[in-house]
Amino acid sequence: MVFLNGKPLPLEGKTLKEVLAELGVEPERVAVLLNEEAFPGHALPERPLEEGDVVEVVALMQGG
């Protein structure tokens, strides 16, 4: 299982871009933590997710 925002899901073998597409999330609007390493949505690693990976998707917000 891969943990996505704390929830175990069978996402092994998929890339982060594929996961975001399935969730209907635009990569440019999020940042992603993969095993505690941060990536802007436009620069996600291409490697497939593996058993035990921990992914956190964080929405970027503008303040004023």
Protein backbone atom coordinates (compact mmCIF):
# COMPACT_ATOMS: atom_id res chain seq x y z
CA MET A 1 0.00 0.00 0.00
CA VAL A 2 0.93 3.63 -0.57
CA PHE A 3 -0.21 6.17 2.00
CA LEU A 4 -1.86 9.18 0.35
CA ASN A 5 -2.67 11.95 2.83
CA GLY A 6 -2.70 9.32 5.57
CA LYS A 7 -4.99 6.87 3.75
CA PRO A 8 -3.62 3.50 2.56
CA LEU A 9 -4.36 2.98 -1.15
CA PRO A 10 -3.17 0.46 -3.77
CA LEU A 11 -1.23 2.95 -5.90
CA GLU A 12 1.99 0.97 -6.43
CA GLY A 13 3.28 1.25 -9.99
CA LYS A 14 1.58 4.58 -10.71
CA THR A 15 3.45 7.87 -11.00
CA LEU A 16 2.48 10.92 -9.00
CA LYS A 17 1.24 12.58 -12.20
CA GLU A 18 -1.07 9.62 -12.83
CA VAL A 19 -2.38 9.72 -9.26
CA LEU A 20 -3.07 13.46 -9.44
CA ALA A 21 -4.86 13.00 -12.78
CA GLU A 22 -7.07 10.27 -11.27
CA LEU A 23 -7.91 12.61 -8.39
CA GLY A 24 -8.73 15.44 -10.80
CA VAL A 25 -5.99 17.62 -9.31
CA GLU A 26 -4.04 20.08 -11.46
CA PRO A 27 -0.33 19.61 -10.66
CA GLU A 28 0.32 23.36 -10.93
CA ARG A 29 -2.06 23.98 -8.01
CA VAL A 30 -0.37 21.67 -5.50
CA ALA A 31 2.89 20.74 -3.87
CA VAL A 32 3.65 17.12 -3.12
CA LEU A 33 5.68 15.50 -0.37
CA LEU A 34 7.02 12.07 -1.28
CA ASN A 35 8.61 10.38 1.71
CA GLU A 36 9.17 13.83 3.27
CA GLU A 37 10.87 15.27 0.15
CA ALA A 38 8.99 18.26 -1.29
CA PHE A 39 8.26 18.75 -4.99
CA PRO A 40 6.32 21.51 -6.73
CA GLY A 41 3.50 20.03 -8.78
CA HIS A 42 5.13 20.99 -12.07
CA ALA A 43 8.33 19.07 -11.20
CA LEU A 44 7.12 15.71 -9.90
CA PRO A 45 9.46 12.72 -10.02
CA GLU A 46 8.67 10.22 -12.79
CA ARG A 47 9.38 7.06 -10.79
CA PRO A 48 6.51 4.69 -10.03
CA LEU A 49 5.25 4.64 -6.47
CA GLU A 50 6.42 1.73 -4.34
CA GLU A 51 5.06 -0.23 -1.39
CA GLY A 52 5.27 1.91 1.76
CA ASP A 53 5.69 5.27 0.02
CA VAL A 54 4.12 8.17 1.90
CA VAL A 55 2.57 10.91 -0.23
CA GLU A 56 1.06 14.16 0.98
CA VAL A 57 -0.68 16.45 -1.51
CA VAL A 58 -0.92 20.06 -0.33
CA ALA A 59 -3.07 22.67 -2.07
CA LEU A 60 -1.37 25.98 -2.73
CA MET A 61 -3.39 28.96 -1.56
CA GLN A 62 -2.99 32.67 -2.05
CA GLY A 63 -3.48 34.99 0.85
CA GLY A 64 -4.09 38.64 1.08
